[in-house]
Amino acid sequence: MADETPPGATWPLPKFSFLVDFGDGIEARFQEVSGLDAETRVIECRRSNSPAFSTVKMPGIARYGSVSMKRGLFAGGNAFWKWHGASAMNNAPRRDVKIALLDERGDATLRWTLGKAWLTRVRSADLTGKGEEVAVEGLELAFERIELTRS
């Protein structure tokens, strides 16, 4: 397999600057995004006329986990609660969500597109009178496909 390092690249990309576009004019910055992965199940079978006493492996159904996101909670920011609240039995509003990894100039370098994504969980910040931390909310998205593109 050929090296995928682009010509002129000397350093790997930093992972701390990214932007999430939910469509409908909703863009947000998050402090953490995790779960950007894809898996292909393995099917093992043995042909009935095979002389080998072992299985053959082939690719099966693609499977995607859930993407979790965390960000600081802002006053008046309830668009995610409204999106989640619009979900009804087997009728969740779905969107193509785009997550862009930004370089040091703020330009998108890589973009993950989550196809037909919908909110499965919105988590409010834990509240306590003993700390000095920022209030952090969490989201969890289910999706049907993922695509990675270079910008």
N, C-alpha and C. Protein backbone atom coordinates (compact mmCIF):
# COMPACT_ATOMS: atom_id res chain seq x y z
N MET A 1 0.85 -1.18 0.00
CA MET A 1 0.00 0.00 0.00
C MET A 1 0.89 1.24 0.00
N ALA A 2 0.54 2.21 -0.78
CA ALA A 2 1.33 3.43 -0.89
C ALA A 2 1.15 4.30 0.34
N ASP A 3 2.18 5.12 0.60
CA ASP A 3 2.13 6.06 1.71
C ASP A 3 1.10 7.13 1.41
N GLU A 4 0.19 7.41 2.34
CA GLU A 4 -0.86 8.40 2.11
C GLU A 4 -0.46 9.80 2.54
N THR A 5 0.80 10.02 2.92
CA THR A 5 1.24 11.35 3.32
C THR A 5 1.29 12.26 2.10
N PRO A 6 0.54 13.37 2.12
CA PRO A 6 0.53 14.26 0.96
C PRO A 6 1.89 14.92 0.75
N PRO A 7 2.23 15.25 -0.48
CA PRO A 7 3.51 15.91 -0.74
C PRO A 7 3.62 17.22 0.02
N GLY A 8 4.78 17.48 0.59
CA GLY A 8 5.02 18.72 1.32
C GLY A 8 4.57 18.69 2.77
N ALA A 9 3.89 17.64 3.20
CA ALA A 9 3.44 17.55 4.60
C ALA A 9 4.58 17.07 5.48
N THR A 10 4.82 17.79 6.57
CA THR A 10 5.90 17.39 7.47
C THR A 10 5.41 17.04 8.86
N TRP A 11 4.21 17.50 9.22
CA TRP A 11 3.68 17.24 10.55
C TRP A 11 2.27 16.67 10.46
N PRO A 12 1.93 15.78 11.39
CA PRO A 12 0.53 15.32 11.45
C PRO A 12 -0.39 16.48 11.86
N LEU A 13 -1.66 16.32 11.57
CA LEU A 13 -2.64 17.36 11.89
C LEU A 13 -2.91 17.43 13.39
N PRO A 14 -3.08 18.64 13.92
CA PRO A 14 -3.50 18.74 15.32
C PRO A 14 -4.97 18.34 15.43
N LYS A 15 -5.37 17.83 16.58
CA LYS A 15 -6.74 17.33 16.72
C LYS A 15 -7.62 18.20 17.60
N PHE A 16 -7.16 19.38 17.96
CA PHE A 16 -7.90 20.18 18.94
C PHE A 16 -8.78 21.26 18.35
N SER A 17 -8.82 21.41 17.04
CA SER A 17 -9.64 22.45 16.45
C SER A 17 -10.55 21.85 15.39
N PHE A 18 -11.85 21.89 15.64
CA PHE A 18 -12.81 21.30 14.72
C PHE A 18 -14.15 22.01 14.84
N LEU A 19 -14.94 21.87 13.79
CA LEU A 19 -16.24 22.53 13.71
C LEU A 19 -17.27 21.50 13.26
N VAL A 20 -18.45 21.52 13.84
CA VAL A 20 -19.50 20.58 13.49
C VAL A 20 -20.67 21.35 12.87
N ASP A 21 -21.06 20.94 11.66
CA ASP A 21 -22.17 21.55 10.93
C ASP A 21 -23.34 20.57 10.94
N PHE A 22 -24.43 20.96 11.60
CA PHE A 22 -25.61 20.11 11.73
C PHE A 22 -26.64 20.39 10.64
N GLY A 23 -26.35 21.29 9.73
CA GLY A 23 -27.34 21.68 8.73
C GLY A 23 -28.33 22.64 9.34
N ASP A 24 -29.24 23.16 8.55
CA ASP A 24 -30.25 24.12 9.00
C ASP A 24 -29.62 25.34 9.69
N GLY A 25 -28.39 25.69 9.28
CA GLY A 25 -27.72 26.86 9.84
C GLY A 25 -27.17 26.67 11.24
N ILE A 26 -27.10 25.44 11.73
CA ILE A 26 -26.59 25.18 13.07
C ILE A 26 -25.15 24.68 12.97
N GLU A 27 -24.21 25.52 13.38
CA GLU A 27 -22.80 25.14 13.47
C GLU A 27 -22.38 25.32 14.93
N ALA A 28 -21.53 24.43 15.40
CA ALA A 28 -21.10 24.52 16.79
C ALA A 28 -19.69 23.99 16.93
N ARG A 29 -18.97 24.53 17.88
CA ARG A 29 -17.64 24.02 18.22
C ARG A 29 -17.80 23.16 19.47
N PHE A 30 -17.09 22.07 19.48
CA PHE A 30 -17.15 21.14 20.60
C PHE A 30 -15.76 20.96 21.17
N GLN A 31 -15.69 20.58 22.44
CA GLN A 31 -14.39 20.32 23.04
C GLN A 31 -13.97 18.87 22.84
N GLU A 32 -14.93 18.02 22.47
CA GLU A 32 -14.60 16.61 22.27
C GLU A 32 -15.60 15.96 21.32
N VAL A 33 -15.08 15.18 20.38
CA VAL A 33 -15.89 14.36 19.49
C VAL A 33 -15.24 12.98 19.47
N SER A 34 -16.01 11.94 19.75
CA SER A 34 -15.44 10.59 19.74
C SER A 34 -16.43 9.62 19.08
N GLY A 35 -15.89 8.53 18.56
CA GLY A 35 -16.72 7.50 17.95
C GLY A 35 -16.77 7.55 16.43
N LEU A 36 -15.83 8.26 15.81
CA LEU A 36 -15.79 8.34 14.35
C LEU A 36 -15.13 7.07 13.81
N ASP A 37 -15.88 5.99 13.79
CA ASP A 37 -15.30 4.73 13.32
C ASP A 37 -16.33 3.91 12.55
N ALA A 38 -15.79 3.03 11.76
CA ALA A 38 -16.62 2.12 10.96
C ALA A 38 -16.07 0.71 11.11
N GLU A 39 -16.94 -0.25 11.00
CA GLU A 39 -16.55 -1.66 11.18
C GLU A 39 -17.29 -2.49 10.13
N THR A 40 -16.60 -3.48 9.62
CA THR A 40 -17.24 -4.44 8.71
C THR A 40 -17.23 -5.79 9.40
N ARG A 41 -18.38 -6.37 9.55
CA ARG A 41 -18.47 -7.68 10.18
C ARG A 41 -17.85 -8.73 9.28
N VAL A 42 -17.32 -9.76 9.90
CA VAL A 42 -16.68 -10.85 9.17
C VAL A 42 -17.65 -12.03 9.09
N ILE A 43 -17.83 -12.54 7.88
CA ILE A 43 -18.66 -13.72 7.68
C ILE A 43 -17.71 -14.89 7.42
N GLU A 44 -17.87 -15.94 8.19
CA GLU A 44 -17.06 -17.14 7.98
C GLU A 44 -17.95 -18.24 7.42
N CYS A 45 -17.49 -18.85 6.34
CA CYS A 45 -18.27 -19.94 5.77
C CYS A 45 -17.31 -20.97 5.17
N ARG A 46 -17.83 -22.13 4.91
CA ARG A 46 -17.06 -23.20 4.29
C ARG A 46 -17.91 -23.80 3.19
N ARG A 47 -17.36 -23.80 2.01
CA ARG A 47 -18.09 -24.40 0.89
C ARG A 47 -18.22 -25.91 1.13
N SER A 48 -19.32 -26.44 0.71
CA SER A 48 -19.58 -27.86 0.98
C SER A 48 -18.61 -28.79 0.25
N ASN A 49 -18.06 -28.32 -0.86
CA ASN A 49 -17.14 -29.18 -1.61
C ASN A 49 -15.68 -28.83 -1.35
N SER A 50 -15.42 -28.00 -0.34
CA SER A 50 -14.05 -27.57 -0.05
C SER A 50 -13.26 -28.71 0.62
N PRO A 51 -12.07 -29.03 0.09
CA PRO A 51 -11.25 -30.06 0.72
C PRO A 51 -10.57 -29.55 1.99
N ALA A 52 -10.46 -28.23 2.14
CA ALA A 52 -9.82 -27.66 3.34
C ALA A 52 -10.78 -27.74 4.52
N PHE A 53 -10.20 -28.07 5.66
CA PHE A 53 -11.01 -28.16 6.87
C PHE A 53 -10.92 -26.83 7.62
N SER A 54 -11.26 -25.74 6.93
CA SER A 54 -11.24 -24.40 7.53
C SER A 54 -12.26 -23.53 6.79
N THR A 55 -12.51 -22.38 7.38
CA THR A 55 -13.50 -21.47 6.79
C THR A 55 -12.82 -20.45 5.89
N VAL A 56 -13.62 -19.86 5.06
CA VAL A 56 -13.22 -18.73 4.24
C VAL A 56 -13.84 -17.50 4.86
N LYS A 57 -13.10 -16.40 4.93
CA LYS A 57 -13.63 -15.17 5.51
C LYS A 57 -13.92 -14.17 4.41
N MET A 58 -15.07 -13.51 4.56
CA MET A 58 -15.44 -12.47 3.60
C MET A 58 -16.15 -11.33 4.33
N PRO A 59 -16.15 -10.14 3.70
CA PRO A 59 -16.78 -9.00 4.37
C PRO A 59 -18.30 -9.14 4.43
N GLY A 60 -18.84 -8.70 5.55
CA GLY A 60 -20.29 -8.74 5.75
C GLY A 60 -20.87 -7.33 5.83
N ILE A 61 -21.82 -7.15 6.69
CA ILE A 61 -22.54 -5.89 6.83
C ILE A 61 -21.67 -4.86 7.54
N ALA A 62 -21.70 -3.62 7.02
CA ALA A 62 -21.00 -2.51 7.68
C ALA A 62 -21.79 -2.11 8.92
N ARG A 63 -21.04 -1.70 9.93
CA ARG A 63 -21.68 -1.32 11.18
C ARG A 63 -21.01 -0.06 11.71
N TYR A 64 -21.81 0.85 12.23
CA TYR A 64 -21.31 2.11 12.76
C TYR A 64 -21.78 2.26 14.20
N GLY A 65 -20.91 2.77 15.04
CA GLY A 65 -21.27 3.01 16.43
C GLY A 65 -22.02 4.33 16.56
N SER A 66 -21.89 4.95 17.68
CA SER A 66 -22.48 6.26 17.92
C SER A 66 -21.37 7.27 18.11
N VAL A 67 -21.62 8.49 17.70
CA VAL A 67 -20.67 9.58 17.89
C VAL A 67 -21.12 10.38 19.11
N SER A 68 -20.19 10.60 20.03
CA SER A 68 -20.46 11.39 21.22
C SER A 68 -19.75 12.73 21.11
N MET A 69 -20.41 13.78 21.56
CA MET A 69 -19.84 15.12 21.51
C MET A 69 -20.07 15.81 22.84
N LYS A 70 -19.09 16.64 23.23
CA LYS A 70 -19.21 17.43 24.45
C LYS A 70 -18.81 18.86 24.13
N ARG A 71 -19.55 19.79 24.74
CA ARG A 71 -19.22 21.20 24.55
C ARG A 71 -19.71 22.00 25.74
N GLY A 72 -19.19 23.23 25.85
CA GLY A 72 -19.63 24.13 26.90
C GLY A 72 -21.08 24.53 26.68
N LEU A 73 -21.82 24.66 27.75
CA LEU A 73 -23.24 25.01 27.71
C LEU A 73 -23.39 26.53 27.65
N PHE A 74 -24.20 27.02 26.70
CA PHE A 74 -24.43 28.46 26.54
C PHE A 74 -25.87 28.78 26.87
N ALA A 75 -26.08 29.96 27.44
CA ALA A 75 -27.44 30.42 27.75
C ALA A 75 -28.23 30.57 26.46
N GLY A 76 -29.45 30.07 26.44
CA GLY A 76 -30.31 30.20 25.28
C GLY A 76 -30.04 29.18 24.19
N GLY A 77 -29.06 28.31 24.38
CA GLY A 77 -28.73 27.32 23.36
C GLY A 77 -29.51 26.04 23.55
N ASN A 78 -30.70 25.96 22.94
CA ASN A 78 -31.51 24.75 23.12
C ASN A 78 -31.89 24.10 21.79
N ALA A 79 -31.15 24.38 20.71
CA ALA A 79 -31.47 23.80 19.39
C ALA A 79 -31.39 22.28 19.42
N PHE A 80 -30.44 21.74 20.19
CA PHE A 80 -30.29 20.28 20.25
C PHE A 80 -31.45 19.65 21.02
N TRP A 81 -31.92 20.32 22.05
CA TRP A 81 -33.09 19.81 22.78
C TRP A 81 -34.33 19.81 21.89
N LYS A 82 -34.47 20.85 21.05
CA LYS A 82 -35.62 20.90 20.13
C LYS A 82 -35.53 19.79 19.09
N TRP A 83 -34.31 19.56 18.55
CA TRP A 83 -34.11 18.50 17.56
C TRP A 83 -34.46 17.15 18.18
N HIS A 84 -33.96 16.89 19.37
CA HIS A 84 -34.23 15.63 20.06
C HIS A 84 -35.72 15.50 20.39
N GLY A 85 -36.34 16.60 20.80
CA GLY A 85 -37.76 16.57 21.15
C GLY A 85 -38.67 16.32 19.95
N ALA A 86 -38.18 16.59 18.74
CA ALA A 86 -38.98 16.36 17.53
C ALA A 86 -39.02 14.88 17.15
N SER A 87 -38.21 14.07 17.82
CA SER A 87 -38.20 12.64 17.53
C SER A 87 -39.46 11.98 18.04
N ALA A 88 -40.02 11.15 17.21
CA ALA A 88 -41.17 10.34 17.59
C ALA A 88 -40.85 8.90 17.22
N MET A 89 -41.68 7.99 17.59
CA MET A 89 -41.44 6.59 17.30
C MET A 89 -41.15 6.38 15.82
N ASN A 90 -39.95 5.94 15.50
CA ASN A 90 -39.49 5.64 14.15
C ASN A 90 -39.65 6.83 13.20
N ASN A 91 -39.57 8.03 13.73
CA ASN A 91 -39.73 9.22 12.91
C ASN A 91 -38.78 10.32 13.38
N ALA A 92 -37.53 9.97 13.65
CA ALA A 92 -36.56 10.95 14.11
C ALA A 92 -36.08 11.79 12.93
N PRO A 93 -36.05 13.13 13.09
CA PRO A 93 -35.54 13.98 12.01
C PRO A 93 -34.06 13.68 11.77
N ARG A 94 -33.70 13.35 10.55
CA ARG A 94 -32.32 12.97 10.22
C ARG A 94 -31.66 14.06 9.39
N ARG A 95 -30.35 14.19 9.61
CA ARG A 95 -29.57 15.19 8.91
C ARG A 95 -28.21 14.60 8.54
N ASP A 96 -27.58 15.19 7.54
CA ASP A 96 -26.18 14.87 7.26
C ASP A 96 -25.34 15.84 8.09
N VAL A 97 -24.60 15.31 9.04
CA VAL A 97 -23.78 16.11 9.95
C VAL A 97 -22.35 16.06 9.45
N LYS A 98 -21.71 17.23 9.35
CA LYS A 98 -20.34 17.32 8.85
C LYS A 98 -19.42 17.79 9.96
N ILE A 99 -18.36 17.04 10.19
CA ILE A 99 -17.38 17.39 11.21
C ILE A 99 -16.08 17.71 10.48
N ALA A 100 -15.60 18.93 10.62
CA ALA A 100 -14.40 19.39 9.90
C ALA A 100 -13.25 19.57 10.88
N LEU A 101 -12.13 18.93 10.57
CA LEU A 101 -10.89 19.14 11.34
C LEU A 101 -10.19 20.34 10.73
N LEU A 102 -9.87 21.33 11.55
CA LEU A 102 -9.30 22.59 11.07
C LEU A 102 -7.80 22.64 11.29
N ASP A 103 -7.10 23.29 10.37
CA ASP A 103 -5.65 23.46 10.54
C ASP A 103 -5.39 24.73 11.35
N GLU A 104 -4.11 25.11 11.47
CA GLU A 104 -3.75 26.26 12.29
C GLU A 104 -4.29 27.59 11.74
N ARG A 105 -4.66 27.64 10.46
CA ARG A 105 -5.26 28.84 9.87
C ARG A 105 -6.78 28.84 9.98
N GLY A 106 -7.36 27.76 10.45
CA GLY A 106 -8.81 27.66 10.57
C GLY A 106 -9.48 27.09 9.34
N ASP A 107 -8.69 26.56 8.39
CA ASP A 107 -9.24 25.95 7.18
C ASP A 107 -9.50 24.48 7.41
N ALA A 108 -10.58 23.98 6.82
CA ALA A 108 -10.91 22.56 6.95
C ALA A 108 -9.90 21.72 6.17
N THR A 109 -9.36 20.68 6.82
CA THR A 109 -8.40 19.80 6.16
C THR A 109 -9.01 18.42 5.89
N LEU A 110 -9.75 17.92 6.84
CA LEU A 110 -10.47 16.66 6.70
C LEU A 110 -11.92 16.89 7.11
N ARG A 111 -12.82 16.12 6.47
CA ARG A 111 -14.24 16.27 6.80
C ARG A 111 -14.88 14.88 6.88
N TRP A 112 -15.51 14.61 8.03
CA TRP A 112 -16.29 13.39 8.19
C TRP A 112 -17.75 13.77 7.98
N THR A 113 -18.44 13.04 7.14
CA THR A 113 -19.88 13.26 6.93
C THR A 113 -20.62 12.06 7.49
N LEU A 114 -21.50 12.32 8.45
CA LEU A 114 -22.33 11.29 9.05
C LEU A 114 -23.67 11.34 8.34
N GLY A 115 -23.96 10.32 7.54
CA GLY A 115 -25.19 10.30 6.75
C GLY A 115 -26.39 9.85 7.56
N LYS A 116 -27.49 10.56 7.39
CA LYS A 116 -28.76 10.26 8.05
C LYS A 116 -28.61 10.15 9.56
N ALA A 117 -27.95 11.14 10.14
CA ALA A 117 -27.71 11.15 11.59
C ALA A 117 -28.92 11.69 12.33
N TRP A 118 -29.11 11.19 13.55
CA TRP A 118 -30.18 11.68 14.41
C TRP A 118 -29.72 11.58 15.86
N LEU A 119 -30.28 12.48 16.67
CA LEU A 119 -29.89 12.55 18.08
C LEU A 119 -30.54 11.43 18.88
N THR A 120 -29.72 10.66 19.54
CA THR A 120 -30.25 9.61 20.42
C THR A 120 -30.22 10.05 21.88
N ARG A 121 -29.36 11.03 22.19
CA ARG A 121 -29.25 11.47 23.59
C ARG A 121 -28.76 12.91 23.64
N VAL A 122 -29.37 13.68 24.51
CA VAL A 122 -28.89 15.01 24.87
C VAL A 122 -28.69 14.97 26.37
N ARG A 123 -27.51 15.35 26.81
CA ARG A 123 -27.18 15.24 28.23
C ARG A 123 -26.83 16.62 28.77
N SER A 124 -27.56 17.09 29.77
CA SER A 124 -27.27 18.37 30.39
C SER A 124 -26.04 18.27 31.28
N ALA A 125 -25.52 19.41 31.62
CA ALA A 125 -24.35 19.48 32.49
C ALA A 125 -24.71 19.02 33.90
N ASP A 126 -23.73 18.40 34.56
CA ASP A 126 -23.89 18.10 35.98
C ASP A 126 -23.77 19.42 36.73
N LEU A 127 -24.68 19.65 37.65
CA LEU A 127 -24.67 20.91 38.40
C LEU A 127 -24.21 20.65 39.82
N THR A 128 -23.30 21.48 40.29
CA THR A 128 -22.80 21.37 41.65
C THR A 128 -22.34 22.74 42.12
N GLY A 129 -22.50 23.00 43.39
CA GLY A 129 -22.07 24.27 43.96
C GLY A 129 -20.64 24.24 44.46
N LYS A 130 -19.93 23.11 44.24
CA LYS A 130 -18.59 22.95 44.79
C LYS A 130 -17.46 23.18 43.80
N GLY A 131 -17.77 23.47 42.57
CA GLY A 131 -16.69 23.53 41.59
C GLY A 131 -16.57 24.87 40.90
N GLU A 132 -15.56 24.93 40.05
CA GLU A 132 -15.32 26.13 39.25
C GLU A 132 -15.27 25.78 37.77
N GLU A 133 -15.75 24.58 37.43
CA GLU A 133 -15.69 24.13 36.05
C GLU A 133 -16.78 24.77 35.21
N VAL A 134 -16.56 24.72 33.91
CA VAL A 134 -17.55 25.18 32.94
C VAL A 134 -18.64 24.11 32.82
N ALA A 135 -19.88 24.54 32.65
CA ALA A 135 -20.99 23.60 32.44
C ALA A 135 -20.84 22.98 31.04
N VAL A 136 -20.87 21.64 30.97
CA VAL A 136 -20.64 20.93 29.72
C VAL A 136 -21.86 20.07 29.41
N GLU A 137 -22.38 20.20 28.16
CA GLU A 137 -23.48 19.36 27.72
C GLU A 137 -22.95 18.31 26.75
N GLY A 138 -23.69 17.22 26.62
CA GLY A 138 -23.27 16.14 25.73
C GLY A 138 -24.36 15.74 24.77
N LEU A 139 -23.94 15.27 23.60
CA LEU A 139 -24.85 14.77 22.57
C LEU A 139 -24.38 13.40 22.14
N GLU A 140 -25.31 12.60 21.68
CA GLU A 140 -24.96 11.31 21.09
C GLU A 140 -25.77 11.15 19.81
N LEU A 141 -25.08 10.82 18.72
CA LEU A 141 -25.71 10.69 17.41
C LEU A 141 -25.59 9.27 16.90
N ALA A 142 -26.66 8.76 16.35
CA ALA A 142 -26.63 7.51 15.58
C ALA A 142 -26.62 7.93 14.11
N PHE A 143 -26.02 7.10 13.25
CA PHE A 143 -25.96 7.44 11.84
C PHE A 143 -25.88 6.17 11.02
N GLU A 144 -26.15 6.28 9.71
CA GLU A 144 -26.22 5.10 8.85
C GLU A 144 -25.00 4.89 7.96
N ARG A 145 -24.19 5.93 7.79
CA ARG A 145 -22.97 5.78 7.00
C ARG A 145 -22.01 6.89 7.39
N ILE A 146 -20.73 6.68 7.12
CA ILE A 146 -19.72 7.69 7.40
C ILE A 146 -18.78 7.78 6.20
N GLU A 147 -18.40 9.00 5.85
CA GLU A 147 -17.52 9.23 4.73
C GLU A 147 -16.45 10.23 5.14
N LEU A 148 -15.20 9.93 4.84
CA LEU A 148 -14.08 10.83 5.14
C LEU A 148 -13.56 11.39 3.84
N THR A 149 -13.47 12.72 3.76
CA THR A 149 -12.94 13.38 2.57
C THR A 149 -11.88 14.40 2.97
N ARG A 150 -10.95 14.63 2.07
CA ARG A 150 -9.95 15.68 2.27
C ARG A 150 -10.51 16.96 1.69
N SER A 151 -10.31 18.05 2.40
CA SER A 151 -10.82 19.35 1.92
C SER A 151 -9.77 20.05 1.10
